[in-house]
């Protein structure tokens, strides 16, 4: 594991590499507006994917590095993401642009211009809770590259059945909330839920090359 500070137009970002011994892909994955790279699904991906030929880069946006508690406007998040891109493409491998929640929106919005090979959207916030009329489906549908959505079955930001048809693939984590946390009464444990996340990403990434 290695960590670098990257200067961007939005301030200094921090990237942490979890490298595969014989990498064929890189997954650069950002956090959401309510947390950082300590999110359990991001940590699970960083632990599992290198064993399957995918180097994982956990990306901390400049606002988190600066210790701020509130995420900035989308255009500032996009600027931070653009700024780290040269570092993650440095090894010369195809890069999956990924993120959870707000980070998934960033990945979708910027995939085309940055030349991402694919997009991984964890807990894509299809709409604010209780406001389905404020849909962000256009961001998801506009990614323009192979896209995997991993969504909790009880995510108040958009349950799987609410998602529009499109070219993306959607994997449901039963009973999962926006953090992909499952309640104790669910038919699966939290460990099994995280395994479902990593299994889905391993299988999907294997189809990319």
Protein backbone atom coordinates (compact mmCIF):
# COMPACT_ATOMS: atom_id res chain seq x y z
CA UNK A 1 0.00 0.00 0.00
CA UNK A 2 1.38 3.41 -1.00
CA UNK A 3 -0.09 6.88 -0.54
CA UNK A 4 0.46 10.00 -2.63
CA UNK A 5 -0.68 13.61 -2.40
CA UNK A 6 -1.88 14.92 -5.76
CA UNK A 7 -2.31 18.62 -6.51
CA UNK A 8 -5.60 19.43 -8.29
CA UNK A 9 -7.51 22.57 -9.23
CA UNK A 10 -9.73 21.88 -6.20
CA UNK A 11 -6.83 21.48 -3.75
CA UNK A 12 -4.67 18.57 -2.66
CA UNK A 13 -6.19 15.11 -3.04
CA UNK A 14 -4.80 11.91 -1.56
CA UNK A 15 -4.64 8.56 -3.33
CA UNK A 16 -3.82 5.21 -1.74
CA UNK A 17 -2.72 2.35 -3.99
CA UNK A 18 -3.51 -1.30 -3.30
CA UNK A 19 -1.56 -2.89 -6.14
CA UNK A 20 -2.08 -6.21 -7.85
CA UNK A 21 1.10 -8.22 -8.51
CA UNK A 22 0.15 -8.66 -12.17
CA UNK A 23 -2.42 -5.96 -12.81
CA UNK A 24 -4.54 -5.88 -15.94
CA UNK A 25 -6.88 -3.09 -14.77
CA UNK A 26 -6.94 -0.21 -12.32
CA UNK A 27 -10.03 0.70 -10.29
CA UNK A 28 -9.95 4.29 -9.06
CA UNK A 29 -12.76 4.68 -6.56
CA UNK A 30 -13.93 7.75 -4.66
CA UNK A 31 -15.97 8.20 -1.51
CA UNK A 32 -19.34 9.83 -0.93
CA UNK A 33 -20.36 13.13 0.58
CA UNK A 34 -21.03 11.62 4.00
CA UNK A 35 -17.81 9.72 4.56
CA UNK A 36 -14.37 8.82 3.33
CA UNK A 37 -12.37 5.88 2.07
CA UNK A 38 -12.99 4.02 5.33
CA UNK A 39 -16.39 2.95 3.94
CA UNK A 40 -16.68 -0.81 4.34
CA UNK A 41 -17.40 -1.53 0.69
CA UNK A 42 -14.38 0.48 -0.49
CA UNK A 43 -12.15 -1.31 2.00
CA UNK A 44 -13.51 -4.68 0.90
CA UNK A 45 -12.75 -3.92 -2.74
CA UNK A 46 -9.22 -2.81 -1.85
CA UNK A 47 -8.68 -6.08 0.02
CA UNK A 48 -10.12 -8.45 -2.59
CA UNK A 49 -9.60 -7.07 -6.10
CA UNK A 50 -5.76 -7.03 -6.21
CA UNK A 51 -5.90 -10.82 -5.92
CA UNK A 52 -7.84 -10.83 -9.19
CA UNK A 53 -5.53 -8.63 -11.24
CA UNK A 54 -7.13 -5.28 -10.43
CA UNK A 55 -5.11 -2.59 -8.66
CA UNK A 56 -7.36 -0.45 -6.47
CA UNK A 57 -6.77 3.25 -5.86
CA UNK A 58 -8.78 4.76 -3.01
CA UNK A 59 -9.22 8.47 -3.74
CA UNK A 60 -9.80 11.11 -1.06
CA UNK A 61 -11.24 14.30 -2.48
CA UNK A 62 -9.51 17.59 -1.54
CA UNK A 63 -12.32 18.67 0.78
CA UNK A 64 -11.77 15.56 2.91
CA UNK A 65 -8.00 15.98 2.88
CA UNK A 66 -8.48 19.57 4.06
CA UNK A 67 -10.62 18.36 6.97
CA UNK A 68 -13.85 19.98 5.83
CA UNK A 69 -17.14 18.40 6.87
CA UNK A 70 -19.34 19.43 3.94
CA UNK A 71 -18.76 18.38 0.34
CA UNK A 72 -18.45 21.17 -2.24
CA UNK A 73 -20.50 21.65 -5.41
CA UNK A 74 -20.46 18.92 -8.09
CA UNK A 75 -18.22 20.95 -10.41
CA UNK A 76 -15.59 21.14 -7.66
CA UNK A 77 -15.81 17.39 -7.05
CA UNK A 78 -15.36 16.83 -10.78
CA UNK A 79 -12.30 19.10 -10.79
CA UNK A 80 -10.74 17.09 -7.99
CA UNK A 81 -11.40 13.86 -9.87
CA UNK A 82 -9.91 15.21 -13.11
CA UNK A 83 -6.83 16.23 -11.16
CA UNK A 84 -6.05 12.73 -9.88
CA UNK A 85 -6.66 11.04 -13.24
CA UNK A 86 -3.13 11.35 -14.65
CA UNK A 87 -1.77 9.58 -11.57
CA UNK A 88 -4.13 6.60 -11.87
CA UNK A 89 -3.54 6.22 -15.61
CA UNK A 90 0.22 6.34 -15.06
CA UNK A 91 0.72 2.55 -15.16
CA UNK A 92 -0.70 2.53 -18.71
CA UNK A 93 -3.58 0.17 -17.90
CA UNK A 94 -7.32 0.61 -18.58
CA UNK A 95 -8.92 2.45 -15.66
CA UNK A 96 -12.37 1.82 -14.20
CA UNK A 97 -13.73 5.07 -12.79
CA UNK A 98 -15.68 4.32 -9.64
CA UNK A 99 -17.22 5.77 -6.56
CA UNK A 100 -19.87 5.40 -3.94
CA UNK A 101 -22.87 7.74 -3.71
CA UNK A 102 -21.71 11.24 -4.72
CA UNK A 103 -18.48 9.67 -5.92
CA UNK A 104 -20.49 7.47 -8.28
CA UNK A 105 -22.09 10.58 -9.77
CA UNK A 106 -18.64 12.08 -10.33
CA UNK A 107 -17.47 8.91 -12.06
CA UNK A 108 -20.49 8.90 -14.38
CA UNK A 109 -20.24 12.61 -15.23
CA UNK A 110 -16.56 12.48 -16.13
CA UNK A 111 -16.14 9.00 -17.66
CA UNK A 112 -16.37 10.09 -21.27
CA UNK A 113 -14.02 13.04 -21.14
CA UNK A 114 -11.41 11.16 -19.11
CA UNK A 115 -11.46 8.05 -21.27
CA UNK A 116 -12.49 5.67 -18.51
CA UNK A 117 -12.76 2.03 -19.58
CA UNK A 118 -15.87 1.52 -17.44
CA UNK A 119 -17.74 2.89 -14.42
CA UNK A 120 -18.45 1.25 -11.06
CA UNK A 121 -21.33 2.98 -9.25
CA UNK A 122 -21.77 1.90 -5.64
CA UNK A 123 -25.04 3.09 -4.07
CA UNK A 124 -25.79 5.49 -6.92
CA UNK A 125 -28.00 8.26 -5.45
CA UNK A 126 -30.74 8.14 -8.06
CA UNK A 127 -32.68 10.84 -6.20
CA UNK A 128 -32.72 12.52 -2.78
CA UNK A 129 -34.63 10.46 -0.19
CA UNK A 130 -38.35 10.92 -0.65
CA UNK A 131 -37.89 13.02 -3.79
CA UNK A 132 -38.11 10.61 -6.75
CA UNK A 133 -39.08 13.49 -9.04
CA UNK A 134 -35.54 14.86 -8.68
CA UNK A 135 -34.01 12.04 -10.69
CA UNK A 136 -30.31 11.89 -11.54
CA UNK A 137 -30.83 9.08 -14.03
CA UNK A 138 -29.37 11.17 -16.86
CA UNK A 139 -25.97 11.14 -15.18
CA UNK A 140 -26.01 7.36 -14.96
CA UNK A 141 -27.36 6.81 -18.44
CA UNK A 142 -24.91 9.32 -19.88
CA UNK A 143 -21.75 7.57 -18.66
CA UNK A 144 -21.23 6.14 -22.14
CA UNK A 145 -19.09 3.18 -21.04
CA UNK A 146 -19.84 -0.23 -19.48
CA UNK A 147 -21.34 0.49 -16.08
CA UNK A 148 -22.01 -1.68 -13.04
CA UNK A 149 -24.40 -0.40 -10.37
CA UNK A 150 -24.31 -2.11 -6.97
CA UNK A 151 -27.38 -0.99 -5.04
CA UNK A 152 -28.90 -1.86 -1.69
CA UNK A 153 -32.42 -3.26 -1.84
CA UNK A 154 -33.60 -0.71 0.73
CA UNK A 155 -31.57 2.31 -0.35
CA UNK A 156 -33.68 5.44 0.26
CA UNK A 157 -31.69 7.22 -2.45
CA UNK A 158 -33.06 4.79 -5.02
CA UNK A 159 -34.16 1.18 -4.72
CA UNK A 160 -33.21 -1.16 -7.56
CA UNK A 161 -36.77 -1.29 -8.95
CA UNK A 162 -36.71 2.50 -9.40
CA UNK A 163 -33.78 2.46 -11.82
CA UNK A 164 -34.56 3.01 -15.48
CA UNK A 165 -33.73 0.46 -18.11
CA UNK A 166 -30.42 1.14 -19.76
CA UNK A 167 -27.11 -0.29 -20.86
CA UNK A 168 -25.87 -0.56 -17.27
CA UNK A 169 -25.86 -3.75 -15.23
CA UNK A 170 -27.45 -3.61 -11.78
CA UNK A 171 -26.68 -5.94 -8.88
CA UNK A 172 -28.93 -5.78 -5.82
CA UNK A 173 -27.62 -6.34 -2.30
CA UNK A 174 -30.71 -7.66 -0.50
CA UNK A 175 -31.90 -5.50 2.42
CA UNK A 176 -28.92 -3.16 2.05
CA UNK A 177 -29.25 0.53 2.87
CA UNK A 178 -27.31 3.40 1.30
CA UNK A 179 -24.15 2.22 3.05
CA UNK A 180 -24.89 -1.35 1.93
CA UNK A 181 -25.47 -2.20 5.58
CA UNK A 182 -27.93 -5.04 6.17
CA UNK A 183 -30.10 -5.31 9.31
CA UNK A 184 -29.64 -8.19 11.69
CA UNK A 185 -33.05 -9.56 10.73
CA UNK A 186 -31.95 -9.88 7.09
CA UNK A 187 -31.42 -13.28 5.57
CA UNK A 188 -27.72 -12.52 4.98
CA UNK A 189 -24.93 -11.38 7.28
CA UNK A 190 -22.94 -8.20 6.75
CA UNK A 191 -19.96 -10.31 5.71
CA UNK A 192 -22.08 -12.08 3.11
CA UNK A 193 -23.38 -8.74 1.83
CA UNK A 194 -19.83 -7.43 1.36
CA UNK A 195 -18.85 -10.69 -0.34
CA UNK A 196 -21.76 -10.18 -2.74
CA UNK A 197 -20.36 -6.74 -3.57
CA UNK A 198 -16.83 -7.94 -4.20
CA UNK A 199 -17.97 -11.06 -6.07
CA UNK A 200 -20.07 -8.93 -8.42
CA UNK A 201 -17.21 -6.54 -9.13
CA UNK A 202 -14.69 -9.37 -9.64
CA UNK A 203 -16.98 -11.12 -12.10
CA UNK A 204 -17.84 -7.92 -13.97
CA UNK A 205 -14.26 -6.68 -14.13
CA UNK A 206 -13.25 -10.04 -15.55
CA UNK A 207 -15.46 -9.32 -18.54
CA UNK A 208 -13.65 -6.05 -19.22
CA UNK A 209 -10.30 -7.55 -20.13
